[in-house]
Amino acid sequence: MGFPVILQVAGFQNSGKTTVITKLLKQLSQQSIKTAVIKHHGHEDALDFKDSGKDTESHRNAGSFITGISSSGGTVFSMNHEMPLEKAIEIYKLLDIECVLIEGYKKIQFPRVLLCRNQNDSDLIIKSSEPVAVISEKQLKSVSSLPYFLRSEESKWLKFLMDYITSRVNEERAYHETV
């Protein structure tokens, strides 16, 4: 137990991870649950910070381990290095985040909803140590005893995932109010 509540959304490319996370974010923000997202960029190409010619690019290129810029319009931090997922979660803890949604990171195991496009993706289910539910495009032959939803059953899987997250967040809020 402990804040933040973590839910990983795992699946292969184009399985709908971003769509599921976006729908969850809208619902979570409506319930005033302070939520953050960590997305794994599983490609070898460098990230585009869109700050070419700006001070932040100069700071990074001069050797700054992390560069930040903040104004009334927002705050952005950037690094030239990959941050381990566990460290990113620790930073979110410092920001009093109640829920972290993780997109990707198939090889790292947290409680996760698995997105499958077809039967070929069922290996993802077998190799998951903390599966919460499965959402698939097509009917899968065997999903074991996991809660299972077709992608088209959006209201059902969204309610299930919201119940999963909110029950844990509410438990944590209650615990922290008594401590």
Protein backbone atom coordinates (compact mmCIF):
# COMPACT_ATOMS: atom_id res chain seq x y z
CA MET A 1 0.00 0.00 0.00
CA GLY A 2 1.06 3.61 -0.45
CA PHE A 3 0.76 6.62 -2.63
CA PRO A 4 0.87 6.82 -5.47
CA VAL A 5 -1.51 4.13 -6.67
CA ILE A 6 0.08 2.69 -9.82
CA LEU A 7 -1.59 1.21 -12.87
CA GLN A 8 0.44 0.18 -15.88
CA VAL A 9 -1.16 0.06 -19.32
CA ALA A 10 0.83 -2.44 -21.37
CA GLY A 11 0.47 -3.65 -24.92
CA PHE A 12 2.22 -3.74 -28.23
CA GLN A 13 2.41 -0.77 -30.58
CA ASN A 14 -0.98 0.51 -31.74
CA SER A 15 -2.89 -1.53 -29.16
CA GLY A 16 -4.64 1.54 -27.72
CA LYS A 17 -2.51 2.36 -24.68
CA THR A 18 -2.69 6.13 -25.13
CA THR A 19 -6.44 5.99 -25.77
CA VAL A 20 -7.06 4.03 -22.55
CA ILE A 21 -4.84 6.38 -20.54
CA THR A 22 -6.50 9.48 -21.98
CA LYS A 23 -9.96 8.18 -21.10
CA LEU A 24 -8.81 7.30 -17.56
CA LEU A 25 -7.19 10.73 -17.13
CA LYS A 26 -10.42 12.52 -18.00
CA GLN A 27 -12.38 10.46 -15.46
CA LEU A 28 -9.72 10.73 -12.76
CA SER A 29 -9.44 14.50 -13.13
CA GLN A 30 -13.24 14.79 -12.84
CA GLN A 31 -12.92 13.02 -9.48
CA SER A 32 -10.07 15.34 -8.41
CA ILE A 33 -7.52 12.52 -8.26
CA LYS A 34 -4.10 14.04 -8.80
CA THR A 35 -2.78 11.82 -11.60
CA ALA A 36 0.49 11.73 -13.52
CA VAL A 37 1.65 9.68 -16.51
CA ILE A 38 5.01 8.14 -17.33
CA LYS A 39 5.34 7.00 -20.94
CA HIS A 40 8.10 4.77 -22.21
CA HIS A 41 9.57 5.86 -25.53
CA GLY A 42 10.64 2.47 -26.84
CA HIS A 43 12.42 3.82 -29.91
CA GLU A 44 16.12 4.54 -30.35
CA ASP A 45 15.65 8.04 -31.79
CA ALA A 46 16.28 11.03 -29.51
CA LEU A 47 13.38 12.93 -28.03
CA ASP A 48 12.56 16.29 -29.60
CA PHE A 49 12.48 18.84 -26.78
CA LYS A 50 11.26 21.54 -29.20
CA ASP A 51 13.63 24.08 -27.63
CA SER A 52 16.18 24.43 -30.42
CA GLY A 53 18.16 27.64 -29.93
CA LYS A 54 16.66 28.25 -26.48
CA ASP A 55 18.46 28.57 -23.14
CA THR A 56 17.26 25.15 -21.99
CA GLU A 57 18.91 23.50 -25.00
CA SER A 58 22.13 25.41 -24.27
CA HIS A 59 22.03 24.26 -20.64
CA ARG A 60 21.54 20.60 -21.61
CA ASN A 61 24.23 20.74 -24.29
CA ALA A 62 26.66 22.36 -21.83
CA GLY A 63 26.30 19.36 -19.52
CA SER A 64 23.37 20.03 -17.20
CA PHE A 65 22.06 16.68 -15.92
CA ILE A 66 18.53 18.10 -15.77
CA THR A 67 17.19 21.39 -17.06
CA GLY A 68 14.00 23.04 -16.00
CA ILE A 69 11.97 26.02 -17.03
CA SER A 70 9.01 27.33 -15.10
CA SER A 71 6.48 30.11 -15.54
CA SER A 72 2.84 30.82 -14.76
CA GLY A 73 2.08 28.89 -17.96
CA GLY A 74 3.68 25.65 -16.77
CA THR A 75 6.90 23.85 -15.90
CA VAL A 76 9.03 21.56 -18.06
CA PHE A 77 12.02 19.46 -17.04
CA SER A 78 14.26 17.77 -19.59
CA MET A 79 17.23 15.45 -19.50
CA ASN A 80 19.60 13.96 -22.06
CA HIS A 81 19.45 10.66 -20.16
CA GLU A 82 16.82 8.00 -19.65
CA MET A 83 15.44 8.08 -16.12
CA PRO A 84 14.75 4.73 -14.50
CA LEU A 85 11.02 4.24 -13.98
CA GLU A 86 11.42 3.82 -10.22
CA LYS A 87 13.15 7.22 -9.94
CA ALA A 88 10.41 8.91 -11.96
CA ILE A 89 7.84 7.43 -9.55
CA GLU A 90 9.87 8.77 -6.60
CA ILE A 91 9.79 12.26 -8.12
CA TYR A 92 6.01 11.99 -8.54
CA LYS A 93 5.75 11.01 -4.86
CA LEU A 94 7.46 14.28 -3.95
CA LEU A 95 4.78 16.11 -5.95
CA ASP A 96 1.98 14.43 -3.92
CA ILE A 97 0.67 12.53 -6.93
CA GLU A 98 -2.13 10.13 -5.95
CA CYS A 99 -2.14 7.96 -9.08
CA VAL A 100 0.52 7.18 -11.67
CA LEU A 101 -0.48 5.70 -14.99
CA ILE A 102 2.43 4.02 -16.74
CA GLU A 103 2.28 3.63 -20.51
CA GLY A 104 4.42 0.83 -21.85
CA TYR A 105 7.47 -0.62 -20.12
CA LYS A 106 6.38 -4.16 -21.04
CA LYS A 107 9.41 -5.70 -19.28
CA ILE A 108 8.82 -3.93 -15.95
CA GLN A 109 5.99 -5.31 -13.82
CA PHE A 110 3.44 -3.23 -11.92
CA PRO A 111 -0.29 -3.90 -11.57
CA ARG A 112 -1.31 -3.68 -15.21
CA VAL A 113 -4.12 -3.72 -17.67
CA LEU A 114 -3.10 -5.62 -20.80
CA LEU A 115 -4.17 -4.47 -24.24
CA CYS A 116 -4.25 -7.21 -26.85
CA ARG A 117 -4.99 -6.78 -30.53
CA ASN A 118 -5.40 -10.50 -31.22
CA GLN A 119 -4.52 -14.01 -30.03
CA ASN A 120 -0.84 -13.45 -30.93
CA ASP A 121 -0.58 -10.92 -28.10
CA SER A 122 -1.65 -13.47 -25.46
CA ASP A 123 2.02 -14.02 -24.58
CA LEU A 124 1.80 -10.64 -22.86
CA ILE A 125 -0.82 -12.10 -20.50
CA ILE A 126 1.24 -15.19 -19.72
CA LYS A 127 4.37 -13.15 -18.89
CA SER A 128 2.58 -10.64 -16.63
CA SER A 129 3.03 -11.07 -12.90
CA GLU A 130 0.40 -8.54 -11.73
CA PRO A 131 -2.38 -8.47 -14.34
CA VAL A 132 -5.50 -6.52 -13.37
CA ALA A 133 -7.56 -6.94 -16.56
CA VAL A 134 -7.35 -7.64 -20.28
CA ILE A 135 -8.86 -5.49 -23.02
CA SER A 136 -8.74 -6.86 -26.55
CA GLU A 137 -9.89 -5.95 -30.03
CA LYS A 138 -11.13 -9.46 -30.74
CA GLN A 139 -12.39 -12.33 -28.62
CA LEU A 140 -9.45 -14.28 -27.22
CA LYS A 141 -9.59 -18.06 -26.80
CA SER A 142 -8.41 -18.15 -23.20
CA VAL A 143 -7.88 -15.32 -20.78
CA SER A 144 -7.81 -17.39 -17.59
CA SER A 145 -9.70 -15.91 -14.68
CA LEU A 146 -8.78 -12.28 -15.36
CA PRO A 147 -11.47 -9.65 -15.87
CA TYR A 148 -11.77 -9.48 -19.64
CA PHE A 149 -13.33 -6.83 -21.88
CA LEU A 150 -13.63 -6.24 -25.57
CA ARG A 151 -12.35 -2.84 -26.66
CA SER A 152 -15.87 -1.99 -27.85
CA GLU A 153 -17.16 -2.41 -24.26
CA GLU A 154 -15.65 0.92 -23.26
CA SER A 155 -18.15 1.77 -20.55
CA LYS A 156 -17.54 -1.59 -18.85
CA TRP A 157 -13.73 -1.55 -18.87
CA LEU A 158 -13.59 2.14 -18.01
CA LYS A 159 -15.87 1.60 -14.99
CA PHE A 160 -13.84 -1.43 -13.89
CA LEU A 161 -10.52 0.44 -14.10
CA MET A 162 -11.94 3.53 -12.40
CA ASP A 163 -13.29 1.37 -9.57
CA TYR A 164 -9.89 -0.32 -9.28
CA ILE A 165 -8.04 3.00 -9.05
CA THR A 166 -10.51 5.01 -6.96
CA SER A 167 -10.94 2.31 -4.34
CA ARG A 168 -7.18 2.25 -3.78
CA VAL A 169 -6.86 6.05 -3.81
CA ASN A 170 -9.71 6.35 -1.30
CA GLU A 171 -8.06 3.74 0.96
CA GLU A 172 -4.81 5.72 0.84
CA ARG A 173 -6.57 9.03 1.52
CA ALA A 174 -8.34 7.52 4.53
CA TYR A 175 -5.07 6.04 5.83
CA HIS A 176 -3.21 9.35 5.47
CA GLU A 177 -6.01 11.26 7.22
CA THR A 178 -5.66 9.03 10.30
CA VAL A 179 -1.86 9.19 10.49
